Amino acid sequence: MIGAYDRNTGSFAAAADADLKLTSNAPGFNNNRCIIPTTTLNLSTDDLGGSLFSGGNGTVVDNSFVVNAIPLGACGGIVANYTFLINNALGLPSLTPGNNTLILVIRMDPPLAP
């Protein structure tokens, strides 16, 4: 994660990359390859729903990230196609910016000005 916090205004912006590995005890599930590909998050107090930090409290939001589907066959499955089932259940791929929202309410301890 890389970002910046402005102690004068309480503004915050950061970028982070994240991926998610799924595991299961289901028969034939591939615990090594079932990974939602890297998603880039651009968090900001300036996005709709965000709020500037005050007294160590603030809200950062990303309203425009996209999530790619797990690659076909990555999760395994002989009887059931686990990759298809997971992608379908999670609505992946979700490639339209604005269809996903991440909101993080943050409390700094100790708080930084303002």
PDB file of N, CA and C in Angstrom:
ATOM      1  N   MET A   1       0.855  -1.165   0.000  1.00  0.00           N
ATOM      2  CA  MET A   1       0.000   0.000   0.000  1.00  0.00           C
ATOM      3  C   MET A   1       0.897   1.222   0.000  1.00  0.00           C
ATOM      4  N   ILE A   2       0.497   2.186  -0.786  1.00  0.00           N
ATOM      5  CA  ILE A   2       1.191   3.464  -0.814  1.00  0.00           C
ATOM      6  C   ILE A   2       0.128   4.554  -0.760  1.00  0.00           C
ATOM      7  N   GLY A   3       0.392   5.590   0.016  1.00  0.00           N
ATOM      8  CA  GLY A   3      -0.611   6.634   0.137  1.00  0.00           C
ATOM      9  C   GLY A   3      -0.077   7.878   0.793  1.00  0.00           C
ATOM     10  N   ALA A   4      -0.986   8.812   1.012  1.00  0.00           N
ATOM     11  CA  ALA A   4      -0.620  10.087   1.625  1.00  0.00           C
ATOM     12  C   ALA A   4      -1.755  10.573   2.519  1.00  0.00           C
ATOM     13  N   TYR A   5      -1.355  11.129   3.652  1.00  0.00           N
ATOM     14  CA  TYR A   5      -2.305  11.730   4.593  1.00  0.00           C
ATOM     15  C   TYR A   5      -1.899  13.178   4.806  1.00  0.00           C
ATOM     16  N   ASP A   6      -2.841  14.103   4.633  1.00  0.00           N
ATOM     17  CA  ASP A   6      -2.585  15.525   4.816  1.00  0.00           C
ATOM     18  C   ASP A   6      -3.034  15.924   6.216  1.00  0.00           C
ATOM     19  N   ARG A   7      -2.076  16.220   7.095  1.00  0.00           N
ATOM     20  CA  ARG A   7      -2.387  16.581   8.486  1.00  0.00           C
ATOM     21  C   ARG A   7      -3.074  17.935   8.609  1.00  0.00           C
ATOM     22  N   ASN A   8      -3.006  18.740   7.559  1.00  0.00           N
ATOM     23  CA  ASN A   8      -3.672  20.046   7.607  1.00  0.00           C
ATOM     24  C   ASN A   8      -5.160  19.950   7.298  1.00  0.00           C
ATOM     25  N   THR A   9      -5.520  19.063   6.355  1.00  0.00           N
ATOM     26  CA  THR A   9      -6.913  19.001   5.907  1.00  0.00           C
ATOM     27  C   THR A   9      -7.652  17.736   6.352  1.00  0.00           C
ATOM     28  N   GLY A  10      -6.901  16.682   6.707  1.00  0.00           N
ATOM     29  CA  GLY A  10      -7.526  15.403   7.039  1.00  0.00           C
ATOM     30  C   GLY A  10      -7.813  14.553   5.816  1.00  0.00           C
ATOM     31  N   SER A  11      -7.302  14.966   4.658  1.00  0.00           N
ATOM     32  CA  SER A  11      -7.493  14.227   3.415  1.00  0.00           C
ATOM     33  C   SER A  11      -6.561  13.018   3.376  1.00  0.00           C
ATOM     34  N   PHE A  12      -7.043  11.912   2.800  1.00  0.00           N
ATOM     35  CA  PHE A  12      -6.266  10.684   2.717  1.00  0.00           C
ATOM     36  C   PHE A  12      -6.506  10.038   1.366  1.00  0.00           C
ATOM     37  N   ALA A  13      -5.448   9.521   0.763  1.00  0.00           N
ATOM     38  CA  ALA A  13      -5.556   8.756  -0.479  1.00  0.00           C
ATOM     39  C   ALA A  13      -4.506   7.665  -0.454  1.00  0.00           C
ATOM     40  N   ALA A  14      -4.879   6.471  -0.899  1.00  0.00           N
ATOM     41  CA  ALA A  14      -3.945   5.350  -0.929  1.00  0.00           C
ATOM     42  C   ALA A  14      -4.328   4.383  -2.034  1.00  0.00           C
ATOM     43  N   ALA A  15      -3.333   3.678  -2.533  1.00  0.00           N
ATOM     44  CA  ALA A  15      -3.553   2.620  -3.518  1.00  0.00           C
ATOM     45  C   ALA A  15      -2.994   1.324  -2.943  1.00  0.00           C
ATOM     46  N   ALA A  16      -3.723   0.238  -3.155  1.00  0.00           N
ATOM     47  CA  ALA A  16      -3.292  -1.065  -2.661  1.00  0.00           C
ATOM     48  C   ALA A  16      -3.721  -2.140  -3.644  1.00  0.00           C
ATOM     49  N   ASP A  17      -2.914  -3.181  -3.753  1.00  0.00           N
ATOM     50  CA  ASP A  17      -3.257  -4.344  -4.561  1.00  0.00           C
ATOM     51  C   ASP A  17      -3.585  -5.491  -3.623  1.00  0.00           C
ATOM     52  N   ALA A  18      -4.638  -6.228  -3.936  1.00  0.00           N
ATOM     53  CA  ALA A  18      -5.051  -7.351  -3.091  1.00  0.00           C
ATOM     54  C   ALA A  18      -5.531  -8.505  -3.964  1.00  0.00           C
ATOM     55  N   ASP A  19      -5.209  -9.722  -3.524  1.00  0.00           N
ATOM     56  CA  ASP A  19      -5.803 -10.899  -4.145  1.00  0.00           C
ATOM     57  C   ASP A  19      -6.356 -11.768  -3.024  1.00  0.00           C
ATOM     58  N   LEU A  20      -7.204 -12.717  -3.391  1.00  0.00           N
ATOM     59  CA  LEU A  20      -7.883 -13.527  -2.391  1.00  0.00           C
ATOM     60  C   LEU A  20      -7.770 -14.990  -2.770  1.00  0.00           C
ATOM     61  N   LYS A  21      -7.191 -15.792  -1.874  1.00  0.00           N
ATOM     62  CA  LYS A  21      -7.051 -17.228  -2.091  1.00  0.00           C
ATOM     63  C   LYS A  21      -8.174 -17.929  -1.345  1.00  0.00           C
ATOM     64  N   LEU A  22      -8.894 -18.799  -2.060  1.00  0.00           N
ATOM     65  CA  LEU A  22      -9.993 -19.541  -1.469  1.00  0.00           C
ATOM     66  C   LEU A  22      -9.564 -20.982  -1.224  1.00  0.00           C
ATOM     67  N   THR A  23      -9.964 -21.535  -0.082  1.00  0.00           N
ATOM     68  CA  THR A  23      -9.666 -22.925   0.234  1.00  0.00           C
ATOM     69  C   THR A  23     -10.946 -23.631   0.663  1.00  0.00           C
ATOM     70  N   SER A  24     -10.930 -24.949   0.511  1.00  0.00           N
ATOM     71  CA  SER A  24     -12.106 -25.736   0.857  1.00  0.00           C
ATOM     72  C   SER A  24     -11.701 -27.185   1.097  1.00  0.00           C
ATOM     73  N   ASN A  25     -12.521 -27.891   1.849  1.00  0.00           N
ATOM     74  CA  ASN A  25     -12.348 -29.328   2.048  1.00  0.00           C
ATOM     75  C   ASN A  25     -13.190 -30.123   1.056  1.00  0.00           C
ATOM     76  N   ALA A  26     -13.823 -29.463   0.108  1.00  0.00           N
ATOM     77  CA  ALA A  26     -14.671 -30.135  -0.883  1.00  0.00           C
ATOM     78  C   ALA A  26     -13.821 -31.098  -1.720  1.00  0.00           C
ATOM     79  N   PRO A  27     -14.373 -32.241  -2.093  1.00  0.00           N
ATOM     80  CA  PRO A  27     -13.621 -33.223  -2.878  1.00  0.00           C
ATOM     81  C   PRO A  27     -13.116 -32.634  -4.189  1.00  0.00           C
ATOM     82  N   GLY A  28     -11.814 -32.768  -4.446  1.00  0.00           N
ATOM     83  CA  GLY A  28     -11.216 -32.299  -5.688  1.00  0.00           C
ATOM     84  C   GLY A  28     -10.962 -30.807  -5.761  1.00  0.00           C
ATOM     85  N   PHE A  29     -11.201 -30.073  -4.670  1.00  0.00           N
ATOM     86  CA  PHE A  29     -10.978 -28.623  -4.673  1.00  0.00           C
ATOM     87  C   PHE A  29      -9.479 -28.345  -4.696  1.00  0.00           C
ATOM     88  N   ASN A  30      -9.040 -27.424  -5.547  1.00  0.00           N
ATOM     89  CA  ASN A  30      -7.629 -27.079  -5.656  1.00  0.00           C
ATOM     90  C   ASN A  30      -7.323 -25.893  -4.748  1.00  0.00           C
ATOM     91  N   ASN A  31      -6.783 -26.187  -3.567  1.00  0.00           N
ATOM     92  CA  ASN A  31      -6.484 -25.137  -2.587  1.00  0.00           C
ATOM     93  C   ASN A  31      -5.271 -24.288  -2.970  1.00  0.00           C
ATOM     94  N   ASN A  32      -4.499 -24.709  -3.945  1.00  0.00           N
ATOM     95  CA  ASN A  32      -3.297 -23.963  -4.331  1.00  0.00           C
ATOM     96  C   ASN A  32      -3.534 -22.945  -5.441  1.00  0.00           C
ATOM     97  N   ARG A  33      -4.549 -23.168  -6.271  1.00  0.00           N
ATOM     98  CA  ARG A  33      -4.732 -22.319  -7.448  1.00  0.00           C
ATOM     99  C   ARG A  33      -6.016 -21.504  -7.452  1.00  0.00           C
ATOM    100  N   CYS A  34      -6.890 -21.701  -6.474  1.00  0.00           N
ATOM    101  CA  CYS A  34      -8.178 -21.006  -6.475  1.00  0.00           C
ATOM    102  C   CYS A  34      -7.999 -19.594  -5.896  1.00  0.00           C
ATOM    103  N   ILE A  35      -7.627 -18.668  -6.778  1.00  0.00           N
ATOM    104  CA  ILE A  35      -7.266 -17.309  -6.354  1.00  0.00           C
ATOM    105  C   ILE A  35      -8.001 -16.287  -7.223  1.00  0.00           C
ATOM    106  N   ILE A  36      -8.700 -15.362  -6.575  1.00  0.00           N
ATOM    107  CA  ILE A  36      -9.260 -14.225  -7.301  1.00  0.00           C
ATOM    108  C   ILE A  36      -8.072 -13.332  -7.655  1.00  0.00           C
ATOM    109  N   PRO A  37      -7.887 -13.009  -8.941  1.00  0.00           N
ATOM    110  CA  PRO A  37      -6.715 -12.243  -9.355  1.00  0.00           C
ATOM    111  C   PRO A  37      -6.591 -10.894  -8.630  1.00  0.00           C
ATOM    112  N   THR A  38      -5.387 -10.361  -8.695  1.00  0.00           N
ATOM    113  CA  THR A  38      -5.082  -9.095  -8.028  1.00  0.00           C
ATOM    114  C   THR A  38      -6.058  -8.000  -8.447  1.00  0.00           C
ATOM    115  N   THR A  39      -6.585  -7.333  -7.445  1.00  0.00           N
ATOM    116  CA  THR A  39      -7.497  -6.207  -7.627  1.00  0.00           C
ATOM    117  C   THR A  39      -6.818  -4.963  -7.067  1.00  0.00           C
ATOM    118  N   THR A  40      -6.823  -3.889  -7.820  1.00  0.00           N
ATOM    119  CA  THR A  40      -6.236  -2.629  -7.358  1.00  0.00           C
ATOM    120  C   THR A  40      -7.319  -1.775  -6.718  1.00  0.00           C
ATOM    121  N   LEU A  41      -7.053  -1.325  -5.503  1.00  0.00           N
ATOM    122  CA  LEU A  41      -7.971  -0.454  -4.765  1.00  0.00           C
ATOM    123  C   LEU A  41      -7.361   0.935  -4.675  1.00  0.00           C
ATOM    124  N   ASN A  42      -8.161   1.948  -4.959  1.00  0.00           N
ATOM    125  CA  ASN A  42      -7.751   3.345  -4.832  1.00  0.00           C
ATOM    126  C   ASN A  42      -8.675   3.999  -3.814  1.00  0.00           C
ATOM    127  N   LEU A  43      -8.216   4.026  -2.573  1.00  0.00           N
ATOM    128  CA  LEU A  43      -9.030   4.525  -1.460  1.00  0.00           C
ATOM    129  C   LEU A  43      -8.805   6.012  -1.249  1.00  0.00           C
ATOM    130  N   SER A  44      -9.891   6.731  -0.970  1.00  0.00           N
ATOM    131  CA  SER A  44      -9.779   8.168  -0.809  1.00  0.00           C
ATOM    132  C   SER A  44     -10.900   8.698   0.071  1.00  0.00           C
ATOM    133  N   THR A  45     -10.593   9.767   0.796  1.00  0.00           N
ATOM    134  CA  THR A  45     -11.627  10.475   1.538  1.00  0.00           C
ATOM    135  C   THR A  45     -12.471  11.323   0.586  1.00  0.00           C
ATOM    136  N   ASP A  46     -11.987  11.515  -0.647  1.00  0.00           N
ATOM    137  CA  ASP A  46     -12.674  12.368  -1.624  1.00  0.00           C
ATOM    138  C   ASP A  46     -13.772  11.644  -2.391  1.00  0.00           C
ATOM    139  N   ASP A  47     -13.750  10.303  -2.427  1.00  0.00           N
ATOM    140  CA  ASP A  47     -14.791   9.558  -3.141  1.00  0.00           C
ATOM    141  C   ASP A  47     -16.133   9.739  -2.441  1.00  0.00           C
ATOM    142  N   LEU A  48     -17.215   9.555  -3.197  1.00  0.00           N
ATOM    143  CA  LEU A  48     -18.565   9.638  -2.648  1.00  0.00           C
ATOM    144  C   LEU A  48     -18.703   8.676  -1.475  1.00  0.00           C
ATOM    145  N   GLY A  49     -19.087   9.176  -0.322  1.00  0.00           N
ATOM    146  CA  GLY A  49     -19.214   8.362   0.885  1.00  0.00           C
ATOM    147  C   GLY A  49     -18.021   8.478   1.811  1.00  0.00           C
ATOM    148  N   GLY A  50     -16.935   9.093   1.343  1.00  0.00           N
ATOM    149  CA  GLY A  50     -15.755   9.288   2.185  1.00  0.00           C
ATOM    150  C   GLY A  50     -15.906  10.509   3.067  1.00  0.00           C
ATOM    151  N   SER A  51     -15.103  10.564   4.132  1.00  0.00           N
ATOM    152  CA  SER A  51     -15.117  11.753   4.991  1.00  0.00           C
ATOM    153  C   SER A  51     -13.707  12.054   5.466  1.00  0.00           C
ATOM    154  N   LEU A  52     -13.380  13.345   5.524  1.00  0.00           N
ATOM    155  CA  LEU A  52     -12.067  13.783   5.987  1.00  0.00           C
ATOM    156  C   LEU A  52     -11.841  13.310   7.419  1.00  0.00           C
ATOM    157  N   PHE A  53     -10.590  13.065   7.756  1.00  0.00           N
ATOM    158  CA  PHE A  53     -10.252  12.667   9.121  1.00  0.00           C
ATOM    159  C   PHE A  53     -10.352  13.864  10.058  1.00  0.00           C
ATOM    160  N   SER A  54     -10.902  13.606  11.228  1.00  0.00           N
ATOM    161  CA  SER A  54     -11.012  14.605  12.282  1.00  0.00           C
ATOM    162  C   SER A  54     -10.937  13.869  13.610  1.00  0.00           C
ATOM    163  N   GLY A  55     -10.004  14.264  14.455  1.00  0.00           N
ATOM    164  CA  GLY A  55      -9.845  13.600  15.747  1.00  0.00           C
ATOM    165  C   GLY A  55      -9.434  12.140  15.604  1.00  0.00           C
ATOM    166  N   GLY A  56      -8.815  11.808  14.475  1.00  0.00           N
ATOM    167  CA  GLY A  56      -8.368  10.441  14.240  1.00  0.00           C
ATOM    168  C   GLY A  56      -9.388   9.552  13.572  1.00  0.00           C
ATOM    169  N   ASN A  57     -10.588  10.054  13.303  1.00  0.00           N
ATOM    170  CA  ASN A  57     -11.639   9.256  12.662  1.00  0.00           C
ATOM    171  C   ASN A  57     -11.892   9.754  11.246  1.00  0.00           C
ATOM    172  N   GLY A  58     -12.052   8.806  10.312  1.00  0.00           N
ATOM    173  CA  GLY A  58     -12.341   9.168   8.938  1.00  0.00           C
ATOM    174  C   GLY A  58     -12.844   7.963   8.165  1.00  0.00           C
ATOM    175  N   THR A  59     -13.332   8.221   6.972  1.00  0.00           N
ATOM    176  CA  THR A  59     -13.844   7.159   6.109  1.00  0.00           C
ATOM    177  C   THR A  59     -13.208   7.293   4.740  1.00  0.00           C
ATOM    178  N   VAL A  60     -12.635   6.174   4.260  1.00  0.00           N
ATOM    179  CA  VAL A  60     -12.061   6.147   2.923  1.00  0.00           C
ATOM    180  C   VAL A  60     -12.889   5.198   2.065  1.00  0.00           C
ATOM    181  N   VAL A  61     -12.995   5.527   0.770  1.00  0.00           N
ATOM    182  CA  VAL A  61     -13.893   4.807  -0.120  1.00  0.00           C
ATOM    183  C   VAL A  61     -13.217   4.593  -1.470  1.00  0.00           C
ATOM    184  N   ASP A  62     -13.543   3.465  -2.103  1.00  0.00           N
ATOM    185  CA  ASP A  62     -13.236   3.244  -3.518  1.00  0.00           C
ATOM    186  C   ASP A  62     -14.527   2.805  -4.178  1.00  0.00           C
ATOM    187  N   ASN A  63     -15.042   3.650  -5.063  1.00  0.00           N
ATOM    188  CA  ASN A  63     -16.294   3.373  -5.771  1.00  0.00           C
ATOM    189  C   ASN A  63     -16.064   2.897  -7.199  1.00  0.00           C
ATOM    190  N   SER A  64     -14.813   2.588  -7.572  1.00  0.00           N
ATOM    191  CA  SER A  64     -14.567   2.332  -8.990  1.00  0.00           C
ATOM    192  C   SER A  64     -13.691   1.113  -9.269  1.00  0.00           C
ATOM    193  N   PHE A  65     -13.459   0.243  -8.293  1.00  0.00           N
ATOM    194  CA  PHE A  65     -12.579  -0.901  -8.565  1.00  0.00           C
ATOM    195  C   PHE A  65     -13.315  -1.996  -9.323  1.00  0.00           C
ATOM    196  N   VAL A  66     -12.545  -2.810 -10.019  1.00  0.00           N
ATOM    197  CA  VAL A  66     -13.093  -3.937 -10.774  1.00  0.00           C
ATOM    198  C   VAL A  66     -12.438  -5.223 -10.265  1.00  0.00           C
ATOM    199  N   VAL A  67     -13.175  -6.333 -10.345  1.00  0.00           N
ATOM    200  CA  VAL A  67     -12.680  -7.622  -9.877  1.00  0.00           C
ATOM    201  C   VAL A  67     -12.785  -8.616 -11.023  1.00  0.00           C
ATOM    202  N   ASN A  68     -11.653  -9.210 -11.391  1.00  0.00           N
ATOM    203  CA  ASN A  68     -11.644 -10.209 -12.453  1.00  0.00           C
ATOM    204  C   ASN A  68     -12.108 -11.557 -11.923  1.00  0.00           C
ATOM    205  N   ALA A  69     -12.533 -12.427 -12.837  1.00  0.00           N
ATOM    206  CA  ALA A  69     -12.965 -13.775 -12.480  1.00  0.00           C
ATOM    207  C   ALA A  69     -11.760 -14.656 -12.173  1.00  0.00           C
ATOM    208  N   ILE A  70     -11.995 -15.681 -11.379  1.00  0.00           N
ATOM    209  CA  ILE A  70     -10.987 -16.711 -11.160  1.00  0.00           C
ATOM    210  C   ILE A  70     -10.813 -17.429 -12.500  1.00  0.00           C
ATOM    211  N   PRO A  71      -9.570 -17.677 -12.925  1.00  0.00           N
ATOM    212  CA  PRO A  71      -9.359 -18.348 -14.210  1.00  0.00           C
ATOM    213  C   PRO A  71     -10.059 -19.705 -14.273  1.00  0.00           C
ATOM    214  N   LEU A  72     -10.615 -20.012 -15.416  1.00  0.00           N
ATOM    215  CA  LEU A  72     -11.355 -21.236 -15.647  1.00  0.00           C
ATOM    216  C   LEU A  72     -10.550 -22.462 -15.195  1.00  0.00           C
ATOM    217  N   GLY A  73     -11.159 -23.303 -14.387  1.00  0.00           N
ATOM    218  CA  GLY A  73     -10.547 -24.543 -13.927  1.00  0.00           C
ATOM    219  C   GLY A  73      -9.600 -24.410 -12.749  1.00  0.00           C
ATOM    220  N   ALA A  74      -9.328 -23.200 -12.288  1.00  0.00           N
ATOM    221  CA  ALA A  74      -8.333 -23.010 -11.227  1.00  0.00           C
ATOM    222  C   ALA A  74      -8.730 -23.643  -9.902  1.00  0.00           C
ATOM    223  N   CYS A  75     -10.020 -23.737  -9.630  1.00  0.00           N
ATOM    224  CA  CYS A  75     -10.462 -24.262  -8.332  1.00  0.00           C
ATOM    225  C   CYS A  75     -10.702 -25.766  -8.352  1.00  0.00           C
ATOM    226  N   GLY A  76     -10.610 -26.379  -9.521  1.00  0.00           N
ATOM    227  CA  GLY A  76     -10.773 -27.829  -9.617  1.00  0.00           C
ATOM    228  C   GLY A  76     -12.223 -28.259  -9.546  1.00  0.00           C
ATOM    229  N   GLY A  77     -12.388 -29.542  -9.315  1.00  0.00           N
ATOM    230  CA  GLY A  77     -13.721 -30.121  -9.206  1.00  0.00           C
ATOM    231  C   GLY A  77     -13.979 -31.123 -10.307  1.00  0.00           C
ATOM    232  N   ILE A  78     -14.248 -32.345  -9.919  1.00  0.00           N
ATOM    233  CA  ILE A  78     -14.542 -33.387 -10.897  1.00  0.00           C
ATOM    234  C   ILE A  78     -16.043 -33.443 -11.149  1.00  0.00           C
ATOM    235  N   VAL A  79     -16.824 -33.500 -10.098  1.00  0.00           N
ATOM    236  CA  VAL A  79     -18.281 -33.570 -10.235  1.00  0.00           C
ATOM    237  C   VAL A  79     -18.862 -32.182 -10.481  1.00  0.00           C
ATOM    238  N   ALA A  80     -18.395 -31.208  -9.727  1.00  0.00           N
ATOM    239  CA  ALA A  80     -18.877 -29.830  -9.863  1.00  0.00           C
ATOM    240  C   ALA A  80     -17.711 -28.944 -10.309  1.00  0.00           C
ATOM    241  N   ASN A  81     -17.987 -27.989 -11.186  1.00  0.00           N
ATOM    242  CA  ASN A  81     -16.977 -27.033 -11.614  1.00  0.00           C
ATOM    243  C   ASN A  81     -16.931 -25.917 -10.576  1.00  0.00           C
ATOM    244  N   TYR A  82     -16.038 -26.073  -9.594  1.00  0.00           N
ATOM    245  CA  TYR A  82     -15.981 -25.121  -8.488  1.00  0.00           C
ATOM    246  C   TYR A  82     -15.704 -23.694  -8.963  1.00  0.00           C
ATOM    247  N   THR A  83     -14.836 -23.550  -9.963  1.00  0.00           N
ATOM    248  CA  THR A  83     -14.513 -22.208 -10.447  1.00  0.00           C
ATOM    249  C   THR A  83     -15.769 -21.520 -10.960  1.00  0.00           C
ATOM    250  N   PHE A  84     -16.547 -22.208 -11.775  1.00  0.00           N
ATOM    251  CA  PHE A  84     -17.793 -21.640 -12.303  1.00  0.00           C
ATOM    252  C   PHE A  84     -18.739 -21.284 -11.163  1.00  0.00           C
ATOM    253  N   LEU A  85     -18.901 -22.188 -10.204  1.00  0.00           N
ATOM    254  CA  LEU A  85     -19.825 -21.950  -9.089  1.00  0.00           C
ATOM    255  C   LEU A  85     -19.420 -20.722  -8.272  1.00  0.00           C
ATOM    256  N   ILE A  86     -18.127 -20.588  -7.990  1.00  0.00           N
ATOM    257  CA  ILE A  86     -17.645 -19.456  -7.186  1.00  0.00           C
ATOM    258  C   ILE A  86     -17.789 -18.146  -7.964  1.00  0.00           C
ATOM    259  N   ASN A  87     -17.318 -18.142  -9.213  1.00  0.00           N
ATOM    260  CA  ASN A  87     -17.446 -16.917 -10.022  1.00  0.00           C
ATOM    261  C   ASN A  87     -18.900 -16.489 -10.141  1.00  0.00           C
ATOM    262  N   ASN A  88     -19.789 -17.453 -10.363  1.00  0.00           N
ATOM    263  CA  ASN A  88     -21.203 -17.156 -10.501  1.00  0.00           C
ATOM    264  C   ASN A  88     -21.785 -16.604  -9.192  1.00  0.00           C
ATOM    265  N   ALA A  89     -21.440 -17.236  -8.064  1.00  0.00           N
ATOM    266  CA  ALA A  89     -21.960 -16.794  -6.762  1.00  0.00           C
ATOM    267  C   ALA A  89     -21.482 -15.388  -6.404  1.00  0.00           C
ATOM    268  N   LEU A  90     -20.253 -15.054  -6.788  1.00  0.00           N
ATOM    269  CA  LEU A  90     -19.691 -13.742  -6.451  1.00  0.00           C
ATOM    270  C   LEU A  90     -19.921 -12.692  -7.537  1.00  0.00           C
ATOM    271  N   GLY A  91     -20.529 -13.101  -8.652  1.00  0.00           N
ATOM    272  CA  GLY A  91     -20.772 -12.158  -9.743  1.00  0.00           C
ATOM    273  C   GLY A  91     -19.503 -11.743 -10.447  1.00  0.00           C
ATOM    274  N   LEU A  92     -18.563 -12.669 -10.604  1.00  0.00           N
ATOM    275  CA  LEU A  92     -17.283 -12.362 -11.242  1.00  0.00           C
ATOM    276  C   LEU A  92     -17.284 -12.834 -12.687  1.00  0.00           C
ATOM    277  N   PRO A  93     -16.714 -12.092 -13.602  1.00  0.00           N
ATOM    278  CA  PRO A  93     -16.005 -10.845 -13.342  1.00  0.00           C
ATOM    279  C   PRO A  93     -16.971  -9.687 -13.106  1.00  0.00           C
ATOM    280  N   SER A  94     -16.513  -8.725 -12.358  1.00  0.00           N
ATOM    281  CA  SER A  94     -17.258  -7.503 -12.108  1.00  0.00           C
ATOM    282  C   SER A  94     -16.416  -6.372 -12.670  1.00  0.00           C
ATOM    283  N   LEU A  95     -16.540  -6.157 -13.965  1.00  0.00           N
ATOM    284  CA  LEU A  95     -15.629  -5.263 -14.670  1.00  0.00           C
ATOM    285  C   LEU A  95     -16.167  -3.865 -14.906  1.00  0.00           C
ATOM    286  N   THR A  96     -17.365  -3.573 -14.420  1.00  0.00           N
ATOM    287  CA  THR A  96     -17.937  -2.253 -14.632  1.00  0.00           C
ATOM    288  C   THR A  96     -17.625  -1.355 -13.437  1.00  0.00           C
ATOM    289  N   PRO A  97     -16.766  -0.342 -13.634  1.00  0.00           N
ATOM    290  CA  PRO A  97     -16.496   0.576 -12.526  1.00  0.00           C
ATOM    291  C   PRO A  97     -17.799   1.166 -11.989  1.00  0.00           C
ATOM    292  N   GLY A  98     -17.901   1.256 -10.699  1.00  0.00           N
ATOM    293  CA  GLY A  98     -19.099   1.797 -10.075  1.00  0.00           C
ATOM    294  C   GLY A  98     -20.031   0.718  -9.564  1.00  0.00           C
ATOM    295  N   ASN A  99     -19.818  -0.544  -9.978  1.00  0.00           N
ATOM    296  CA  ASN A  99     -20.643  -1.637  -9.472  1.00  0.00           C
ATOM    297  C   ASN A  99     -20.126  -2.185  -8.152  1.00  0.00           C
ATOM    298  N   ASN A 100     -18.928  -1.802  -7.766  1.00  0.00           N
ATOM    299  CA  ASN A 100     -18.317  -2.267  -6.525  1.00  0.00           C
ATOM    300  C   ASN A 100     -17.989  -1.060  -5.653  1.00  0.00           C
ATOM    301  N   THR A 101     -18.210  -1.210  -4.367  1.00  0.00           N
ATOM    302  CA  THR A 101     -17.865  -0.149  -3.426  1.00  0.00           C
ATOM    303  C   THR A 101     -17.201  -0.764  -2.208  1.00  0.00           C
ATOM    304  N   LEU A 102     -16.070  -0.210  -1.812  1.00  0.00           N
ATOM    305  CA  LEU A 102     -15.392  -0.598  -0.580  1.00  0.00           C
ATOM    306  C   LEU A 102     -15.352   0.630   0.310  1.00  0.00           C
ATOM    307  N   ILE A 103     -15.886   0.494   1.521  1.00  0.00           N
ATOM    308  CA  ILE A 103     -15.905   1.593   2.489  1.00  0.00           C
ATOM    309  C   ILE A 103     -15.170   1.124   3.733  1.00  0.00           C
ATOM    310  N   LEU A 104     -14.149   1.877   4.137  1.00  0.00           N
ATOM    311  CA  LEU A 104     -13.412   1.571   5.358  1.00  0.00           C
ATOM    312  C   LEU A 104     -13.545   2.737   6.326  1.00  0.00           C
ATOM    313  N   VAL A 105     -14.088   2.463   7.484  1.00  0.00           N
ATOM    314  CA  VAL A 105     -14.174   3.448   8.563  1.00  0.00           C
ATOM    315  C   VAL A 105     -12.937   3.218   9.410  1.00  0.00           C
ATOM    316  N   ILE A 106     -12.112   4.254   9.539  1.00  0.00           N
ATOM    317  CA  ILE A 106     -10.806   4.111  10.193  1.00  0.00           C
ATOM    318  C   ILE A 106     -10.742   4.985  11.443  1.00  0.00           C
ATOM    319  N   ARG A 107     -10.153   4.415  12.483  1.00  0.00           N
ATOM    320  CA  ARG A 107      -9.862   5.169  13.705  1.00  0.00           C
ATOM    321  C   ARG A 107      -8.368   5.066  13.965  1.00  0.00           C
ATOM    322  N   MET A 108      -7.676   6.205  13.978  1.00  0.00           N
ATOM    323  CA  MET A 108      -6.237   6.230  14.262  1.00  0.00           C
ATOM    324  C   MET A 108      -6.028   6.209  15.774  1.00  0.00           C
ATOM    325  N   ASP A 109      -5.045   5.437  16.204  1.00  0.00           N
ATOM    326  CA  ASP A 109      -4.716   5.398  17.616  1.00  0.00           C
ATOM    327  C   ASP A 109      -3.212   5.321  17.783  1.00  0.00           C
ATOM    328  N   PRO A 110      -2.555   6.387  18.144  1.00  0.00           N
ATOM    329  CA  PRO A 110      -3.096   7.686  18.527  1.00  0.00           C
ATOM    330  C   PRO A 110      -3.512   8.493  17.307  1.00  0.00           C
ATOM    331  N   PRO A 111      -4.460   9.392  17.474  1.00  0.00           N
ATOM    332  CA  PRO A 111      -4.917  10.195  16.336  1.00  0.00           C
ATOM    333  C   PRO A 111      -3.863  11.186  15.881  1.00  0.00           C
ATOM    334  N   LEU A 112      -3.834  11.428  14.576  1.00  0.00           N
ATOM    335  CA  LEU A 112      -2.983  12.461  14.007  1.00  0.00           C
ATOM    336  C   LEU A 112      -3.855  13.672  13.682  1.00  0.00           C
ATOM    337  N   ALA A 113      -3.277  14.851  13.767  1.00  0.00           N
ATOM    338  CA  ALA A 113      -4.019  16.068  13.428  1.00  0.00           C
ATOM    339  C   ALA A 113      -4.573  15.943  12.022  1.00  0.00           C
ATOM    340  N   PRO A 114      -5.655  16.548  11.642  1.00  0.00           N
ATOM    341  CA  PRO A 114      -6.394  17.540  12.400  1.00  0.00           C
ATOM    342  C   PRO A 114      -7.339  16.913  13.392  1.00  0.00           C
TER     343      PRO A 114
END
